[in-house]
Amino acid sequence: MAFFRPVLSGVLYRGGFQGGDKGRTGLSEPQKQSLCLSGFSEAFYADFGKSTSYGTTSCSGGSLEYKSARSSRPAAVMKDVHKAIVNNSGPVLVHCMWGVHSSGALSAMALVQFCGWSEARAKDYWNEARNGAPCSGGCDGWIDGKFAKFSVDPSLAISDAQRAAICPK
């Protein structure tokens, strides 16, 4: 997986496919098994995956639920990340074709939701982490459009201790 990196320590990770996912078929069964065996509870394929096989993968360590996500509708991802935080149910992976744009947008929104980052700081994180990848229609407009549909959900608040344990310094 390309650009695999932590977002929220032990809770949320992001990535993509080396060279993209031109077939848009998502994670392979061996990749799902590997994530499952590594303790991941959920994985989301953001904004792609029209021919993807979603569902549950079981392994000796538990199970991994593989789901579709939209960076323009982040609520489901935020709810599942919250569940992973409060239930300690295992980390969540959000990925997209390249591991840059859509997974980065959802990650930036998670930093606002759970770490109290400002939207400006989160957009800077997104911009720096996209490694210079271009955006259709311009990058500022692209990320502004994603954030225009996002707002912090007060029902997903976490404690100061939880925030201190998972948020980047």
C-alpha atoms as a PDB file:
ATOM      1  CA  MET A   1       0.000   0.000   0.000  1.00  0.00           C
ATOM      2  CA  ALA A   2       1.339   3.435  -0.961  1.00  0.00           C
ATOM      3  CA  PHE A   3       1.465   6.382   1.433  1.00  0.00           C
ATOM      4  CA  PHE A   4       0.386   4.189   4.367  1.00  0.00           C
ATOM      5  CA  ARG A   5       0.644   6.345   7.465  1.00  0.00           C
ATOM      6  CA  PRO A   6      -0.939   6.889  10.867  1.00  0.00           C
ATOM      7  CA  VAL A   7      -3.414   9.717  11.359  1.00  0.00           C
ATOM      8  CA  LEU A   8      -4.700   9.036  14.885  1.00  0.00           C
ATOM      9  CA  SER A   9      -2.238   6.869  16.808  1.00  0.00           C
ATOM     10  CA  GLY A  10      -3.482   3.291  17.042  1.00  0.00           C
ATOM     11  CA  VAL A  11      -6.914   4.270  15.697  1.00  0.00           C
ATOM     12  CA  LEU A  12      -6.892   5.683  12.149  1.00  0.00           C
ATOM     13  CA  TYR A  13      -4.506   5.020   9.281  1.00  0.00           C
ATOM     14  CA  ARG A  14      -4.608   6.033   5.649  1.00  0.00           C
ATOM     15  CA  GLY A  15      -3.136   4.836   2.385  1.00  0.00           C
ATOM     16  CA  GLY A  16      -3.680   3.945  -1.243  1.00  0.00           C
ATOM     17  CA  PHE A  17      -2.380   1.739  -4.007  1.00  0.00           C
ATOM     18  CA  GLN A  18       1.090   1.931  -5.495  1.00  0.00           C
ATOM     19  CA  GLY A  19       0.377   3.277  -8.961  1.00  0.00           C
ATOM     20  CA  GLY A  20      -3.323   3.743  -8.218  1.00  0.00           C
ATOM     21  CA  ASP A  21      -6.153   1.264  -8.571  1.00  0.00           C
ATOM     22  CA  LYS A  22      -6.958   1.543 -12.241  1.00  0.00           C
ATOM     23  CA  GLY A  23      -9.394  -1.364 -12.007  1.00  0.00           C
ATOM     24  CA  ARG A  24     -11.014   0.268  -8.961  1.00  0.00           C
ATOM     25  CA  THR A  25     -11.488  -3.105  -7.345  1.00  0.00           C
ATOM     26  CA  GLY A  26     -10.153  -2.201  -3.914  1.00  0.00           C
ATOM     27  CA  LEU A  27      -8.258  -4.335  -1.451  1.00  0.00           C
ATOM     28  CA  SER A  28      -7.377  -7.864  -2.469  1.00  0.00           C
ATOM     29  CA  GLU A  29      -8.323 -10.787  -0.244  1.00  0.00           C
ATOM     30  CA  PRO A  30      -4.693 -11.184   0.929  1.00  0.00           C
ATOM     31  CA  GLN A  31      -4.609  -7.463   1.830  1.00  0.00           C
ATOM     32  CA  LYS A  32      -7.865  -7.800   3.780  1.00  0.00           C
ATOM     33  CA  GLN A  33      -6.509 -10.869   5.584  1.00  0.00           C
ATOM     34  CA  SER A  34      -3.299  -9.037   6.437  1.00  0.00           C
ATOM     35  CA  LEU A  35      -5.217  -6.072   7.869  1.00  0.00           C
ATOM     36  CA  CYS A  36      -7.482  -8.418   9.806  1.00  0.00           C
ATOM     37  CA  LEU A  37      -4.537 -10.315  11.264  1.00  0.00           C
ATOM     38  CA  SER A  38      -2.931  -6.970  12.183  1.00  0.00           C
ATOM     39  CA  GLY A  39      -5.983  -6.131  14.289  1.00  0.00           C
ATOM     40  CA  PHE A  40      -7.765  -3.692  11.984  1.00  0.00           C
ATOM     41  CA  SER A  41     -11.511  -3.724  12.556  1.00  0.00           C
ATOM     42  CA  GLU A  42     -12.627  -1.714   9.535  1.00  0.00           C
ATOM     43  CA  ALA A  43     -11.386  -0.421   6.211  1.00  0.00           C
ATOM     44  CA  PHE A  44     -13.033   2.121   3.937  1.00  0.00           C
ATOM     45  CA  TYR A  45     -12.427   2.643   0.210  1.00  0.00           C
ATOM     46  CA  ALA A  46     -13.104   6.343  -0.348  1.00  0.00           C
ATOM     47  CA  ASP A  47     -14.690   7.639  -3.540  1.00  0.00           C
ATOM     48  CA  PHE A  48     -13.867   4.670  -5.752  1.00  0.00           C
ATOM     49  CA  GLY A  49     -14.441   0.943  -5.840  1.00  0.00           C
ATOM     50  CA  LYS A  50     -17.267   0.484  -8.316  1.00  0.00           C
ATOM     51  CA  SER A  51     -16.281  -3.179  -8.829  1.00  0.00           C
ATOM     52  CA  THR A  52     -15.133  -3.771  -5.259  1.00  0.00           C
ATOM     53  CA  SER A  53     -16.072  -6.734  -3.119  1.00  0.00           C
ATOM     54  CA  TYR A  54     -17.116  -5.244   0.236  1.00  0.00           C
ATOM     55  CA  GLY A  55     -18.070  -7.191   3.345  1.00  0.00           C
ATOM     56  CA  THR A  56     -16.576  -9.039   6.276  1.00  0.00           C
ATOM     57  CA  THR A  57     -13.271 -10.875   6.251  1.00  0.00           C
ATOM     58  CA  SER A  58     -12.696 -13.242   9.158  1.00  0.00           C
ATOM     59  CA  CYS A  59      -9.308 -14.257  10.506  1.00  0.00           C
ATOM     60  CA  SER A  60      -7.881 -15.898  13.595  1.00  0.00           C
ATOM     61  CA  GLY A  61      -7.606 -12.469  15.235  1.00  0.00           C
ATOM     62  CA  GLY A  62     -11.207 -11.399  14.608  1.00  0.00           C
ATOM     63  CA  SER A  63     -12.803  -9.778  11.594  1.00  0.00           C
ATOM     64  CA  LEU A  64     -12.421  -6.833   9.250  1.00  0.00           C
ATOM     65  CA  GLU A  65     -15.420  -5.001   7.838  1.00  0.00           C
ATOM     66  CA  TYR A  66     -14.662  -3.519   4.391  1.00  0.00           C
ATOM     67  CA  LYS A  67     -16.939  -0.640   3.370  1.00  0.00           C
ATOM     68  CA  SER A  68     -17.376   2.086   0.808  1.00  0.00           C
ATOM     69  CA  ALA A  69     -16.973   5.737   1.854  1.00  0.00           C
ATOM     70  CA  ARG A  70     -17.430   9.173   0.325  1.00  0.00           C
ATOM     71  CA  SER A  71     -15.196  12.094   1.211  1.00  0.00           C
ATOM     72  CA  SER A  72     -18.182  14.344   0.513  1.00  0.00           C
ATOM     73  CA  ARG A  73     -20.228  12.441   3.141  1.00  0.00           C
ATOM     74  CA  PRO A  74     -17.820  11.725   6.013  1.00  0.00           C
ATOM     75  CA  ALA A  75     -20.359  10.950   8.772  1.00  0.00           C
ATOM     76  CA  ALA A  76     -20.148   7.132   8.538  1.00  0.00           C
ATOM     77  CA  VAL A  77     -16.346   7.153   8.707  1.00  0.00           C
ATOM     78  CA  MET A  78     -16.367   9.542  11.679  1.00  0.00           C
ATOM     79  CA  LYS A  79     -18.877   7.335  13.530  1.00  0.00           C
ATOM     80  CA  ASP A  80     -16.783   4.212  12.989  1.00  0.00           C
ATOM     81  CA  VAL A  81     -13.566   5.968  14.031  1.00  0.00           C
ATOM     82  CA  HIS A  82     -15.367   7.145  17.171  1.00  0.00           C
ATOM     83  CA  LYS A  83     -16.484   3.576  17.833  1.00  0.00           C
ATOM     84  CA  ALA A  84     -12.871   2.401  17.473  1.00  0.00           C
ATOM     85  CA  ILE A  85     -11.743   5.053  19.972  1.00  0.00           C
ATOM     86  CA  VAL A  86     -14.334   4.439  22.674  1.00  0.00           C
ATOM     87  CA  ASN A  87     -14.562   0.641  22.296  1.00  0.00           C
ATOM     88  CA  ASN A  88     -10.864   0.075  21.562  1.00  0.00           C
ATOM     89  CA  SER A  89     -12.107  -2.223  18.800  1.00  0.00           C
ATOM     90  CA  GLY A  90      -9.044  -2.022  16.575  1.00  0.00           C
ATOM     91  CA  PRO A  91      -7.768   0.515  14.102  1.00  0.00           C
ATOM     92  CA  VAL A  92      -9.581   1.750  11.013  1.00  0.00           C
ATOM     93  CA  LEU A  93      -8.005   2.186   7.573  1.00  0.00           C
ATOM     94  CA  VAL A  94      -9.299   4.710   5.094  1.00  0.00           C
ATOM     95  CA  HIS A  95      -7.830   4.434   1.623  1.00  0.00           C
ATOM     96  CA  CYS A  96      -8.452   5.748  -1.842  1.00  0.00           C
ATOM     97  CA  MET A  97      -6.962   5.070  -5.239  1.00  0.00           C
ATOM     98  CA  TRP A  98      -3.644   6.831  -4.624  1.00  0.00           C
ATOM     99  CA  GLY A  99      -3.759   7.373  -0.855  1.00  0.00           C
ATOM    100  CA  VAL A 100      -3.591  11.117  -1.340  1.00  0.00           C
ATOM    101  CA  HIS A 101      -6.783  13.055  -2.050  1.00  0.00           C
ATOM    102  CA  SER A 102      -9.892  11.353  -0.650  1.00  0.00           C
ATOM    103  CA  SER A 103      -8.225   9.402   2.155  1.00  0.00           C
ATOM    104  CA  GLY A 104      -6.377  12.588   3.053  1.00  0.00           C
ATOM    105  CA  ALA A 105      -9.585  14.618   3.141  1.00  0.00           C
ATOM    106  CA  LEU A 106     -11.274  12.112   5.469  1.00  0.00           C
ATOM    107  CA  SER A 107      -8.153  12.048   7.627  1.00  0.00           C
ATOM    108  CA  ALA A 108      -8.081  15.848   7.817  1.00  0.00           C
ATOM    109  CA  MET A 109     -11.745  15.842   8.868  1.00  0.00           C
ATOM    110  CA  ALA A 110     -10.959  13.266  11.580  1.00  0.00           C
ATOM    111  CA  LEU A 111      -8.237  15.575  12.921  1.00  0.00           C
ATOM    112  CA  VAL A 112     -10.827  18.359  13.199  1.00  0.00           C
ATOM    113  CA  GLN A 113     -13.478  16.066  14.706  1.00  0.00           C
ATOM    114  CA  PHE A 114     -11.341  14.247  17.275  1.00  0.00           C
ATOM    115  CA  CYS A 115      -8.294  16.437  17.871  1.00  0.00           C
ATOM    116  CA  GLY A 116      -9.882  19.868  17.769  1.00  0.00           C
ATOM    117  CA  TRP A 117      -7.741  21.042  14.855  1.00  0.00           C
ATOM    118  CA  SER A 118      -8.930  24.115  13.005  1.00  0.00           C
ATOM    119  CA  GLU A 119     -10.164  23.630   9.466  1.00  0.00           C
ATOM    120  CA  ALA A 120      -7.210  25.700   8.219  1.00  0.00           C
ATOM    121  CA  ARG A 121      -4.677  23.470  10.025  1.00  0.00           C
ATOM    122  CA  ALA A 122      -6.384  20.330   8.714  1.00  0.00           C
ATOM    123  CA  LYS A 123      -6.347  21.685   5.148  1.00  0.00           C
ATOM    124  CA  ASP A 124      -2.629  22.445   5.524  1.00  0.00           C
ATOM    125  CA  TYR A 125      -2.108  18.823   6.683  1.00  0.00           C
ATOM    126  CA  TRP A 126      -4.041  17.592   3.626  1.00  0.00           C
ATOM    127  CA  ASN A 127      -2.097  19.838   1.261  1.00  0.00           C
ATOM    128  CA  GLU A 128       1.298  18.811   2.651  1.00  0.00           C
ATOM    129  CA  ALA A 129       0.423  15.103   2.687  1.00  0.00           C
ATOM    130  CA  ARG A 130      -0.764  14.975  -0.936  1.00  0.00           C
ATOM    131  CA  ASN A 131       2.884  15.015  -2.017  1.00  0.00           C
ATOM    132  CA  GLY A 132       2.288  17.520  -4.803  1.00  0.00           C
ATOM    133  CA  ALA A 133      -0.377  15.431  -6.529  1.00  0.00           C
ATOM    134  CA  PRO A 134      -2.556  17.642  -8.741  1.00  0.00           C
ATOM    135  CA  CYS A 135      -6.280  18.123  -8.195  1.00  0.00           C
ATOM    136  CA  SER A 136      -8.916  18.330 -10.889  1.00  0.00           C
ATOM    137  CA  GLY A 137     -10.213  21.906 -10.855  1.00  0.00           C
ATOM    138  CA  GLY A 138      -7.523  23.116  -8.434  1.00  0.00           C
ATOM    139  CA  CYS A 139      -6.548  21.817  -5.019  1.00  0.00           C
ATOM    140  CA  ASP A 140      -7.853  24.669  -2.870  1.00  0.00           C
ATOM    141  CA  GLY A 141     -11.284  24.368  -4.454  1.00  0.00           C
ATOM    142  CA  TRP A 142     -11.239  20.571  -4.186  1.00  0.00           C
ATOM    143  CA  ILE A 143     -10.571  20.443  -0.437  1.00  0.00           C
ATOM    144  CA  ASP A 144     -12.823  23.456   0.232  1.00  0.00           C
ATOM    145  CA  GLY A 145     -15.657  21.544  -1.450  1.00  0.00           C
ATOM    146  CA  LYS A 146     -15.103  18.530   0.795  1.00  0.00           C
ATOM    147  CA  PHE A 147     -15.026  20.632   3.961  1.00  0.00           C
ATOM    148  CA  ALA A 148     -18.138  22.545   2.873  1.00  0.00           C
ATOM    149  CA  LYS A 149     -20.111  19.360   3.571  1.00  0.00           C
ATOM    150  CA  PHE A 150     -18.400  18.586   6.896  1.00  0.00           C
ATOM    151  CA  SER A 151     -19.207  19.759  10.385  1.00  0.00           C
ATOM    152  CA  VAL A 152     -18.057  18.519  13.764  1.00  0.00           C
ATOM    153  CA  ASP A 153     -20.585  16.135  15.313  1.00  0.00           C
ATOM    154  CA  PRO A 154     -20.858  16.885  19.063  1.00  0.00           C
ATOM    155  CA  SER A 155     -22.203  13.370  19.706  1.00  0.00           C
ATOM    156  CA  LEU A 156     -18.788  12.013  18.696  1.00  0.00           C
ATOM    157  CA  ALA A 157     -16.817  13.926  21.322  1.00  0.00           C
ATOM    158  CA  ILE A 158     -13.987  12.117  23.069  1.00  0.00           C
ATOM    159  CA  SER A 159     -12.322  12.754  26.424  1.00  0.00           C
ATOM    160  CA  ASP A 160      -9.203  14.826  26.903  1.00  0.00           C
ATOM    161  CA  ALA A 161      -7.341  11.648  27.889  1.00  0.00           C
ATOM    162  CA  GLN A 162      -8.418   9.893  24.685  1.00  0.00           C
ATOM    163  CA  ARG A 163      -7.422  12.936  22.636  1.00  0.00           C
ATOM    164  CA  ALA A 164      -4.007  13.065  24.342  1.00  0.00           C
ATOM    165  CA  ALA A 165      -3.436   9.379  23.565  1.00  0.00           C
ATOM    166  CA  ILE A 166      -4.261   9.464  19.854  1.00  0.00           C
ATOM    167  CA  CYS A 167      -3.797  12.971  18.430  1.00  0.00           C
ATOM    168  CA  PRO A 168      -0.600  14.180  16.769  1.00  0.00           C
ATOM    169  CA  LYS A 169       1.367  16.607  18.878  1.00  0.00           C
END
